[in-house]
Amino acid sequence: MLQVQNLCFAWPDQPPLFDGLSVTLEPGLHLVRGDDGCGKSTLLALLAGVRADVSGSVVIDGVSLAADRAAFQACVFWMDPATDAFDAISANAFFVAQSERFPGFQPALAHELAEALGLAPHQRKPLYMLSAGSKRKVWLSAAMASGAPLTLIDQPFAALDAPSTRQLRELLTEASEHPSRAFVIADHEAPAGLALGQVIEI
C-alpha cells in the first residue's frame, strides 16, 4: 500500500531529520511514535507529498510522488490539525470539497460520523466558530469517509471529549481491519487496545 525508500529531509541549516528512512506498510492501522519535536508531524506531511524539498521514493498504491504529485496527493488524506485554511467555510462545505478531491469520498458517511462525534449542531457554522476539538472532529469525519488508500492522522485523540474518544477508538479498530486502506496515526504512545501493524519509532 505504501512504499518508502531512502526518504531524506532536513530543515534549512539543520542536520537531517530523516536520513534514508525506508518502510513498507500494508493495509491496516500503523503508528508513528516519538516525543514532542522529534518529527512525527513532519513525517506525516512528507508522506502526504506537501513538500517539494524531500528526496527518496514514496509510492502509494502504485502511484509515485516523484512521477505525478497531483495523482499521488489524490491517494492520501492528510490534514494539518492547526490549519485555518478552511475557516471561512462550514463543515458541510468542507465535505463537499473533499468529495470533489477524492473519488471514493462518501458524503453520507462523513455526515453520519460527524453526528456520531457530536457535531450535528455545528455542521453549518463557519469553521472559525468551532473549537479546536470540534475542528478535529470535522477532519476525522472526512478522513474516515475519504476512501483514500492512505490516511494520515496526527495525534488523533488530542482535544477530544470522552464520548468522541470512545467513538474514534471504535473507528480506528475498524481501520485496523480494513482490507484495502492503510491508516497511519502519529502520537507519543500507542493507544491502548488497538491492533497495530507497524510502529515507526522516530
C-alpha atoms as a PDB file:
ATOM      1  CA  MET A   1       0.000   0.000   0.000  1.00  0.00           C
ATOM      2  CA  LEU A   2       2.761   2.466   0.998  1.00  0.00           C
ATOM      3  CA  GLN A   3       6.389   2.041  -0.006  1.00  0.00           C
ATOM      4  CA  VAL A   4       9.017   4.500   1.213  1.00  0.00           C
ATOM      5  CA  GLN A   5      12.615   4.128   0.097  1.00  0.00           C
ATOM      6  CA  ASN A   6      15.568   6.226   1.278  1.00  0.00           C
ATOM      7  CA  LEU A   7      13.474   9.203   2.431  1.00  0.00           C
ATOM      8  CA  CYS A   8      15.727  12.155   3.329  1.00  0.00           C
ATOM      9  CA  PHE A   9      14.724  15.554   4.675  1.00  0.00           C
ATOM     10  CA  ALA A  10      16.324  18.385   6.648  1.00  0.00           C
ATOM     11  CA  TRP A  11      15.134  21.821   7.673  1.00  0.00           C
ATOM     12  CA  PRO A  12      17.359  24.654   6.346  1.00  0.00           C
ATOM     13  CA  ASP A  13      20.690  24.866   8.170  1.00  0.00           C
ATOM     14  CA  GLN A  14      19.752  21.889  10.364  1.00  0.00           C
ATOM     15  CA  PRO A  15      21.064  18.314  10.493  1.00  0.00           C
ATOM     16  CA  PRO A  16      18.956  15.685   8.681  1.00  0.00           C
ATOM     17  CA  LEU A  17      15.662  14.945  10.356  1.00  0.00           C
ATOM     18  CA  PHE A  18      15.251  11.822   8.222  1.00  0.00           C
ATOM     19  CA  ASP A  19      18.229  10.226   6.500  1.00  0.00           C
ATOM     20  CA  GLY A  20      17.476   7.126   4.468  1.00  0.00           C
ATOM     21  CA  LEU A  21      14.141   6.166   6.038  1.00  0.00           C
ATOM     22  CA  SER A  22      12.600   3.122   4.355  1.00  0.00           C
ATOM     23  CA  VAL A  23       9.330   1.451   5.294  1.00  0.00           C
ATOM     24  CA  THR A  24       6.609  -0.628   3.672  1.00  0.00           C
ATOM     25  CA  LEU A  25       3.069  -0.568   5.081  1.00  0.00           C
ATOM     26  CA  GLU A  26       0.218  -2.924   4.270  1.00  0.00           C
ATOM     27  CA  PRO A  27      -3.485  -2.118   4.755  1.00  0.00           C
ATOM     28  CA  GLY A  28      -4.476  -1.655   8.393  1.00  0.00           C
ATOM     29  CA  LEU A  29      -3.518   0.680  11.227  1.00  0.00           C
ATOM     30  CA  HIS A  30       0.054   1.807  11.887  1.00  0.00           C
ATOM     31  CA  LEU A  31       1.715   4.185  14.344  1.00  0.00           C
ATOM     32  CA  VAL A  32       4.456   6.808  14.146  1.00  0.00           C
ATOM     33  CA  ARG A  33       5.669   7.172  17.720  1.00  0.00           C
ATOM     34  CA  GLY A  34       8.047   9.686  19.269  1.00  0.00           C
ATOM     35  CA  ASP A  35       8.476  12.551  21.711  1.00  0.00           C
ATOM     36  CA  ASP A  36       7.489  16.167  21.088  1.00  0.00           C
ATOM     37  CA  GLY A  37       9.614  17.827  18.438  1.00  0.00           C
ATOM     38  CA  CYS A  38      11.077  14.622  17.050  1.00  0.00           C
ATOM     39  CA  GLY A  39       9.447  14.977  13.621  1.00  0.00           C
ATOM     40  CA  LYS A  40       6.204  12.979  13.782  1.00  0.00           C
ATOM     41  CA  SER A  41       4.093  15.692  12.198  1.00  0.00           C
ATOM     42  CA  THR A  42       6.799  16.456   9.650  1.00  0.00           C
ATOM     43  CA  LEU A  43       6.932  12.824   8.601  1.00  0.00           C
ATOM     44  CA  LEU A  44       3.175  12.750   8.020  1.00  0.00           C
ATOM     45  CA  ALA A  45       3.436  15.910   5.918  1.00  0.00           C
ATOM     46  CA  LEU A  46       6.246  14.360   3.869  1.00  0.00           C
ATOM     47  CA  LEU A  47       4.219  11.188   3.314  1.00  0.00           C
ATOM     48  CA  ALA A  48       1.321  13.398   2.193  1.00  0.00           C
ATOM     49  CA  GLY A  49       3.508  14.897  -0.515  1.00  0.00           C
ATOM     50  CA  VAL A  50       3.067  18.514   0.555  1.00  0.00           C
ATOM     51  CA  ARG A  51       6.786  19.411   0.471  1.00  0.00           C
ATOM     52  CA  ALA A  52       8.999  19.501  -2.599  1.00  0.00           C
ATOM     53  CA  ASP A  53      12.343  19.618  -0.734  1.00  0.00           C
ATOM     54  CA  VAL A  54      12.431  15.912   0.060  1.00  0.00           C
ATOM     55  CA  SER A  55      14.404  13.167  -1.613  1.00  0.00           C
ATOM     56  CA  GLY A  56      13.753   9.463  -1.916  1.00  0.00           C
ATOM     57  CA  SER A  57      10.897   7.391  -3.267  1.00  0.00           C
ATOM     58  CA  VAL A  58       7.356   7.456  -1.881  1.00  0.00           C
ATOM     59  CA  VAL A  59       4.715   5.326  -3.620  1.00  0.00           C
ATOM     60  CA  ILE A  60       1.091   4.840  -2.609  1.00  0.00           C
ATOM     61  CA  ASP A  61      -0.879   2.040  -4.253  1.00  0.00           C
ATOM     62  CA  GLY A  62       1.475   2.141  -7.238  1.00  0.00           C
ATOM     63  CA  VAL A  63       1.355   5.935  -7.637  1.00  0.00           C
ATOM     64  CA  SER A  64       4.724   7.686  -7.271  1.00  0.00           C
ATOM     65  CA  LEU A  65       5.099  11.093  -5.645  1.00  0.00           C
ATOM     66  CA  ALA A  66       8.055  11.935  -7.881  1.00  0.00           C
ATOM     67  CA  ALA A  67       6.285  10.910 -11.080  1.00  0.00           C
ATOM     68  CA  ASP A  68       2.874  12.530 -10.520  1.00  0.00           C
ATOM     69  CA  ARG A  69       2.421  14.713  -7.441  1.00  0.00           C
ATOM     70  CA  ALA A  70      -1.260  15.514  -8.185  1.00  0.00           C
ATOM     71  CA  ALA A  71      -2.229  11.862  -8.643  1.00  0.00           C
ATOM     72  CA  PHE A  72      -0.241  10.949  -5.538  1.00  0.00           C
ATOM     73  CA  GLN A  73      -1.994  13.561  -3.386  1.00  0.00           C
ATOM     74  CA  ALA A  74      -5.365  12.231  -4.582  1.00  0.00           C
ATOM     75  CA  CYS A  75      -4.396   8.938  -2.909  1.00  0.00           C
ATOM     76  CA  VAL A  76      -3.712  10.347   0.552  1.00  0.00           C
ATOM     77  CA  PHE A  77      -5.850  12.162   3.114  1.00  0.00           C
ATOM     78  CA  TRP A  78      -3.886  14.374   5.480  1.00  0.00           C
ATOM     79  CA  MET A  79      -4.892  17.498   7.360  1.00  0.00           C
ATOM     80  CA  ASP A  80      -2.715  19.741   9.486  1.00  0.00           C
ATOM     81  CA  PRO A  81      -4.759  19.844  12.729  1.00  0.00           C
ATOM     82  CA  ALA A  82      -3.864  23.504  13.262  1.00  0.00           C
ATOM     83  CA  THR A  83      -4.742  24.716   9.762  1.00  0.00           C
ATOM     84  CA  ASP A  84      -7.005  27.730   9.324  1.00  0.00           C
ATOM     85  CA  ALA A  85      -7.240  27.311   5.555  1.00  0.00           C
ATOM     86  CA  PHE A  86     -10.906  26.291   5.731  1.00  0.00           C
ATOM     87  CA  ASP A  87     -12.062  28.627   8.477  1.00  0.00           C
ATOM     88  CA  ALA A  88     -14.372  30.598   6.181  1.00  0.00           C
ATOM     89  CA  ILE A  89     -16.481  27.580   5.182  1.00  0.00           C
ATOM     90  CA  SER A  90     -18.728  25.195   7.087  1.00  0.00           C
ATOM     91  CA  ALA A  91     -18.171  21.533   7.813  1.00  0.00           C
ATOM     92  CA  ASN A  92     -20.836  20.743   5.199  1.00  0.00           C
ATOM     93  CA  ALA A  93     -18.954  22.776   2.585  1.00  0.00           C
ATOM     94  CA  PHE A  94     -15.685  21.125   3.599  1.00  0.00           C
ATOM     95  CA  PHE A  95     -17.215  17.704   2.995  1.00  0.00           C
ATOM     96  CA  VAL A  96     -18.376  18.837  -0.452  1.00  0.00           C
ATOM     97  CA  ALA A  97     -14.833  19.957  -1.247  1.00  0.00           C
ATOM     98  CA  GLN A  98     -13.446  16.581  -0.180  1.00  0.00           C
ATOM     99  CA  SER A  99     -15.958  14.735  -2.349  1.00  0.00           C
ATOM    100  CA  GLU A 100     -14.551  16.670  -5.308  1.00  0.00           C
ATOM    101  CA  ARG A 101     -10.989  15.759  -4.338  1.00  0.00           C
ATOM    102  CA  PHE A 102     -11.386  12.062  -3.532  1.00  0.00           C
ATOM    103  CA  PRO A 103     -13.287   9.815  -5.983  1.00  0.00           C
ATOM    104  CA  GLY A 104     -14.194   7.402  -3.181  1.00  0.00           C
ATOM    105  CA  PHE A 105     -15.378  10.022  -0.701  1.00  0.00           C
ATOM    106  CA  GLN A 106     -18.691   9.082   0.974  1.00  0.00           C
ATOM    107  CA  PRO A 107     -20.577  12.268   1.948  1.00  0.00           C
ATOM    108  CA  ALA A 108     -23.332  10.394   3.761  1.00  0.00           C
ATOM    109  CA  LEU A 109     -20.753   8.591   5.891  1.00  0.00           C
ATOM    110  CA  ALA A 110     -18.950  11.861   6.666  1.00  0.00           C
ATOM    111  CA  HIS A 111     -22.185  13.412   7.945  1.00  0.00           C
ATOM    112  CA  GLU A 112     -23.035  10.260   9.895  1.00  0.00           C
ATOM    113  CA  LEU A 113     -19.631  10.243  11.566  1.00  0.00           C
ATOM    114  CA  ALA A 114     -19.834  13.967  12.296  1.00  0.00           C
ATOM    115  CA  GLU A 115     -23.152  13.448  14.051  1.00  0.00           C
ATOM    116  CA  ALA A 116     -21.762  10.484  15.987  1.00  0.00           C
ATOM    117  CA  LEU A 117     -18.930  12.759  17.157  1.00  0.00           C
ATOM    118  CA  GLY A 118     -21.420  15.365  18.378  1.00  0.00           C
ATOM    119  CA  LEU A 119     -21.173  17.842  15.504  1.00  0.00           C
ATOM    120  CA  ALA A 120     -24.836  17.828  14.469  1.00  0.00           C
ATOM    121  CA  PRO A 121     -25.496  21.383  15.810  1.00  0.00           C
ATOM    122  CA  HIS A 122     -22.320  22.757  14.207  1.00  0.00           C
ATOM    123  CA  GLN A 123     -22.115  21.425  10.659  1.00  0.00           C
ATOM    124  CA  ARG A 124     -23.490  24.634   9.112  1.00  0.00           C
ATOM    125  CA  LYS A 125     -21.276  27.014  11.100  1.00  0.00           C
ATOM    126  CA  PRO A 126     -18.091  28.520   9.624  1.00  0.00           C
ATOM    127  CA  LEU A 127     -15.187  26.524  10.946  1.00  0.00           C
ATOM    128  CA  TYR A 128     -13.656  29.562  12.643  1.00  0.00           C
ATOM    129  CA  MET A 129     -16.572  29.394  15.089  1.00  0.00           C
ATOM    130  CA  LEU A 130     -15.679  25.852  16.158  1.00  0.00           C
ATOM    131  CA  SER A 131     -13.358  24.857  18.979  1.00  0.00           C
ATOM    132  CA  ALA A 132     -10.096  23.063  18.262  1.00  0.00           C
ATOM    133  CA  GLY A 133     -11.720  19.790  19.305  1.00  0.00           C
ATOM    134  CA  SER A 134     -14.724  20.313  17.026  1.00  0.00           C
ATOM    135  CA  LYS A 135     -12.471  21.131  14.083  1.00  0.00           C
ATOM    136  CA  ARG A 136     -10.593  17.914  14.708  1.00  0.00           C
ATOM    137  CA  LYS A 137     -13.893  16.063  14.571  1.00  0.00           C
ATOM    138  CA  VAL A 138     -14.522  17.548  11.117  1.00  0.00           C
ATOM    139  CA  TRP A 139     -11.090  16.405   9.914  1.00  0.00           C
ATOM    140  CA  LEU A 140     -11.587  12.945  11.448  1.00  0.00           C
ATOM    141  CA  SER A 141     -15.020  12.506   9.874  1.00  0.00           C
ATOM    142  CA  ALA A 142     -13.646  13.452   6.473  1.00  0.00           C
ATOM    143  CA  ALA A 143     -10.590  11.232   6.921  1.00  0.00           C
ATOM    144  CA  MET A 144     -12.620   8.126   7.644  1.00  0.00           C
ATOM    145  CA  ALA A 145     -15.068   8.846   4.810  1.00  0.00           C
ATOM    146  CA  SER A 146     -12.415   9.809   2.249  1.00  0.00           C
ATOM    147  CA  GLY A 147     -11.843   6.348   0.817  1.00  0.00           C
ATOM    148  CA  ALA A 148      -8.207   7.355   0.313  1.00  0.00           C
ATOM    149  CA  PRO A 149      -5.746   4.458   0.062  1.00  0.00           C
ATOM    150  CA  LEU A 150      -3.581   6.186   2.690  1.00  0.00           C
ATOM    151  CA  THR A 151      -4.976   8.214   5.599  1.00  0.00           C
ATOM    152  CA  LEU A 152      -2.648  10.123   7.935  1.00  0.00           C
ATOM    153  CA  ILE A 153      -3.889  11.405  11.311  1.00  0.00           C
ATOM    154  CA  ASP A 154      -1.743  13.487  13.653  1.00  0.00           C
ATOM    155  CA  GLN A 155      -2.461  12.968  17.390  1.00  0.00           C
ATOM    156  CA  PRO A 156      -5.966  11.622  16.758  1.00  0.00           C
ATOM    157  CA  PHE A 157      -7.222  11.868  20.347  1.00  0.00           C
ATOM    158  CA  ALA A 158      -5.978  15.387  21.128  1.00  0.00           C
ATOM    159  CA  ALA A 159      -8.664  17.872  22.244  1.00  0.00           C
ATOM    160  CA  LEU A 160     -11.457  15.285  22.044  1.00  0.00           C
ATOM    161  CA  ASP A 161     -14.087  14.790  24.751  1.00  0.00           C
ATOM    162  CA  ALA A 162     -14.602  11.376  26.321  1.00  0.00           C
ATOM    163  CA  PRO A 163     -17.581  10.264  24.138  1.00  0.00           C
ATOM    164  CA  SER A 164     -15.724  11.265  20.967  1.00  0.00           C
ATOM    165  CA  THR A 165     -12.606   9.462  22.160  1.00  0.00           C
ATOM    166  CA  ARG A 166     -14.616   6.268  22.563  1.00  0.00           C
ATOM    167  CA  GLN A 167     -16.190   6.734  19.119  1.00  0.00           C
ATOM    168  CA  LEU A 168     -12.818   7.313  17.497  1.00  0.00           C
ATOM    169  CA  ARG A 169     -11.368   4.250  19.175  1.00  0.00           C
ATOM    170  CA  GLU A 170     -14.130   2.202  17.538  1.00  0.00           C
ATOM    171  CA  LEU A 171     -13.375   3.772  14.157  1.00  0.00           C
ATOM    172  CA  LEU A 172      -9.674   3.033  14.495  1.00  0.00           C
ATOM    173  CA  THR A 173     -10.452  -0.538  15.476  1.00  0.00           C
ATOM    174  CA  GLU A 174     -12.358  -0.861  12.193  1.00  0.00           C
ATOM    175  CA  ALA A 175      -9.457   0.799  10.382  1.00  0.00           C
ATOM    176  CA  SER A 176      -7.044  -1.792  11.762  1.00  0.00           C
ATOM    177  CA  GLU A 177      -9.053  -4.476   9.977  1.00  0.00           C
ATOM    178  CA  HIS A 178      -9.570  -2.637   6.678  1.00  0.00           C
ATOM    179  CA  PRO A 179      -8.587  -4.838   3.710  1.00  0.00           C
ATOM    180  CA  SER A 180      -7.592  -2.104   1.257  1.00  0.00           C
ATOM    181  CA  ARG A 181      -6.765   1.123   3.149  1.00  0.00           C
ATOM    182  CA  ALA A 182      -3.738   1.992   5.267  1.00  0.00           C
ATOM    183  CA  PHE A 183      -4.099   4.356   8.222  1.00  0.00           C
ATOM    184  CA  VAL A 184      -1.102   5.961   9.943  1.00  0.00           C
ATOM    185  CA  ILE A 185      -1.548   7.793  13.227  1.00  0.00           C
ATOM    186  CA  ALA A 186       1.167   9.793  14.975  1.00  0.00           C
ATOM    187  CA  ASP A 187       1.273  10.051  18.754  1.00  0.00           C
ATOM    188  CA  HIS A 188       3.520   9.914  21.802  1.00  0.00           C
ATOM    189  CA  GLU A 189       2.368   6.444  22.818  1.00  0.00           C
ATOM    190  CA  ALA A 190       0.480   3.552  21.280  1.00  0.00           C
ATOM    191  CA  PRO A 191      -3.254   3.908  22.032  1.00  0.00           C
ATOM    192  CA  ALA A 192      -4.323   1.120  24.361  1.00  0.00           C
ATOM    193  CA  GLY A 193      -6.385  -1.703  22.946  1.00  0.00           C
ATOM    194  CA  LEU A 194      -5.752  -1.071  19.244  1.00  0.00           C
ATOM    195  CA  ALA A 195      -4.242  -3.682  16.955  1.00  0.00           C
ATOM    196  CA  LEU A 196      -1.322  -2.031  15.215  1.00  0.00           C
ATOM    197  CA  GLY A 197       0.574  -3.234  12.194  1.00  0.00           C
ATOM    198  CA  GLN A 198       3.917  -1.461  12.224  1.00  0.00           C
ATOM    199  CA  VAL A 199       5.220   1.005  14.802  1.00  0.00           C
ATOM    200  CA  ILE A 200       7.677   3.515  13.327  1.00  0.00           C
ATOM    201  CA  GLU A 201       9.884   4.877  16.093  1.00  0.00           C
ATOM    202  CA  ILE A 202      11.429   8.285  15.410  1.00  0.00           C
END
